Each structure stands twice: as C-alpha cells, then as structure tokens.
Amino acid sequence: MRRAGWEVWHYPPARVVHVGGASLARDPAAPSEYYRSLRYFYAKHYGRLAGALLAPLLLVYRRGVR
C-alpha cells in the first residue's frame, strides 16, 4: 500500500467482520475458484490425501447447498 502512495494508519477501535463466502453469489466463476483453492489449501497443509478426500466431500456439500 505504501508503494502505491497510500498512508497506513493504525486505528485500534476498528473492527472488521468477515462474512465468508458472501461474494460467491455475485460471480458465477467464484464458487469453482473458491473450492479449487480450498482443495489446494488442504493438500498443502494436510497432505495430498486430505486434498483428494476433500474433493468428493465438496461435491456432496455443493449439491446440498444449492
């Protein structure tokens, strides 16, 4: 941000609320990218097997959410 010319301020009373997945409904390509990155994250941090096992679980989850 500094390199782009912005000032960086610290404001302790500020709070940020993250609403996970809130933007997925706005972009049709977003859900696929989200789930792809989730599989990558699991494979990276929990091993390839965990990433591979997550894929079919996500398919079941996505069908139930729609």
C-alpha atoms as a PDB file:
ATOM      1  CA  MET A   1       0.000   0.000   0.000  1.00  0.00           C
ATOM      2  CA  ARG A   2       2.818   2.362   0.827  1.00  0.00           C
ATOM      3  CA  ARG A   3       4.449   1.730  -2.550  1.00  0.00           C
ATOM      4  CA  ALA A   4       1.160   2.721  -4.179  1.00  0.00           C
ATOM      5  CA  GLY A   5       1.251   6.036  -2.302  1.00  0.00           C
ATOM      6  CA  TRP A   6      -1.276   5.206   0.399  1.00  0.00           C
ATOM      7  CA  GLU A   7      -0.815   6.040   4.065  1.00  0.00           C
ATOM      8  CA  VAL A   8      -1.014   3.201   6.558  1.00  0.00           C
ATOM      9  CA  TRP A   9      -2.862   4.062   9.754  1.00  0.00           C
ATOM     10  CA  HIS A  10      -3.447   2.046  12.902  1.00  0.00           C
ATOM     11  CA  TYR A  11      -6.871   2.532  14.491  1.00  0.00           C
ATOM     12  CA  PRO A  12      -7.344   0.131  17.456  1.00  0.00           C
ATOM     13  CA  PRO A  13     -11.136   0.604  17.877  1.00  0.00           C
ATOM     14  CA  ALA A  14     -11.782  -0.502  14.270  1.00  0.00           C
ATOM     15  CA  ARG A  15     -13.328  -3.939  13.761  1.00  0.00           C
ATOM     16  CA  VAL A  16     -13.680  -5.966  10.579  1.00  0.00           C
ATOM     17  CA  VAL A  17     -16.365  -8.608  10.144  1.00  0.00           C
ATOM     18  CA  HIS A  18     -15.600 -11.274   7.561  1.00  0.00           C
ATOM     19  CA  VAL A  19     -18.682 -12.859   6.062  1.00  0.00           C
ATOM     20  CA  GLY A  20     -17.194 -15.974   4.497  1.00  0.00           C
ATOM     21  CA  GLY A  21     -18.458 -16.747   1.011  1.00  0.00           C
ATOM     22  CA  ALA A  22     -20.662 -13.652   0.762  1.00  0.00           C
ATOM     23  CA  SER A  23     -19.295 -12.701  -2.666  1.00  0.00           C
ATOM     24  CA  LEU A  24     -19.700 -16.194  -4.149  1.00  0.00           C
ATOM     25  CA  ALA A  25     -23.267 -15.491  -5.300  1.00  0.00           C
ATOM     26  CA  ARG A  26     -22.259 -12.405  -7.315  1.00  0.00           C
ATOM     27  CA  ASP A  27     -19.763 -14.040  -9.676  1.00  0.00           C
ATOM     28  CA  PRO A  28     -20.639 -17.316 -11.435  1.00  0.00           C
ATOM     29  CA  ALA A  29     -16.948 -18.320 -11.614  1.00  0.00           C
ATOM     30  CA  ALA A  30     -16.288 -17.581  -7.944  1.00  0.00           C
ATOM     31  CA  PRO A  31     -17.608 -20.837  -6.412  1.00  0.00           C
ATOM     32  CA  SER A  32     -15.410 -23.007  -8.632  1.00  0.00           C
ATOM     33  CA  GLU A  33     -12.341 -20.938  -7.788  1.00  0.00           C
ATOM     34  CA  TYR A  34     -13.211 -20.962  -4.106  1.00  0.00           C
ATOM     35  CA  TYR A  35     -13.496 -24.755  -3.961  1.00  0.00           C
ATOM     36  CA  ARG A  36     -10.362 -25.193  -6.092  1.00  0.00           C
ATOM     37  CA  SER A  37      -8.390 -23.017  -3.683  1.00  0.00           C
ATOM     38  CA  LEU A  38      -9.856 -24.894  -0.716  1.00  0.00           C
ATOM     39  CA  ARG A  39      -8.650 -28.220  -2.144  1.00  0.00           C
ATOM     40  CA  TYR A  40      -5.216 -26.675  -2.753  1.00  0.00           C
ATOM     41  CA  PHE A  41      -5.088 -25.378   0.833  1.00  0.00           C
ATOM     42  CA  TYR A  42      -5.974 -28.787   2.301  1.00  0.00           C
ATOM     43  CA  ALA A  43      -3.449 -30.588   0.090  1.00  0.00           C
ATOM     44  CA  LYS A  44      -0.744 -28.090   1.017  1.00  0.00           C
ATOM     45  CA  HIS A  45      -1.330 -28.081   4.770  1.00  0.00           C
ATOM     46  CA  TYR A  46      -2.745 -31.547   5.437  1.00  0.00           C
ATOM     47  CA  GLY A  47      -1.242 -33.633   2.632  1.00  0.00           C
ATOM     48  CA  ARG A  48      -2.325 -34.803  -0.794  1.00  0.00           C
ATOM     49  CA  LEU A  49      -4.600 -37.466   0.631  1.00  0.00           C
ATOM     50  CA  ALA A  50      -6.610 -34.885   2.568  1.00  0.00           C
ATOM     51  CA  GLY A  51      -6.929 -32.742  -0.558  1.00  0.00           C
ATOM     52  CA  ALA A  52      -8.040 -35.745  -2.578  1.00  0.00           C
ATOM     53  CA  LEU A  53     -10.574 -36.818   0.071  1.00  0.00           C
ATOM     54  CA  LEU A  54     -11.953 -33.302   0.275  1.00  0.00           C
ATOM     55  CA  ALA A  55     -12.926 -33.226  -3.423  1.00  0.00           C
ATOM     56  CA  PRO A  56     -15.829 -35.743  -3.231  1.00  0.00           C
ATOM     57  CA  LEU A  57     -16.999 -34.256   0.068  1.00  0.00           C
ATOM     58  CA  LEU A  58     -17.195 -30.836  -1.564  1.00  0.00           C
ATOM     59  CA  LEU A  59     -19.293 -32.271  -4.390  1.00  0.00           C
ATOM     60  CA  VAL A  60     -21.802 -33.618  -1.870  1.00  0.00           C
ATOM     61  CA  TYR A  61     -21.740 -30.350   0.054  1.00  0.00           C
ATOM     62  CA  ARG A  62     -22.251 -28.212  -3.066  1.00  0.00           C
ATOM     63  CA  ARG A  63     -25.241 -30.310  -4.141  1.00  0.00           C
ATOM     64  CA  GLY A  64     -26.821 -29.898  -0.701  1.00  0.00           C
ATOM     65  CA  VAL A  65     -26.236 -26.145  -0.540  1.00  0.00           C
ATOM     66  CA  ARG A  66     -27.896 -25.281  -3.854  1.00  0.00           C
END
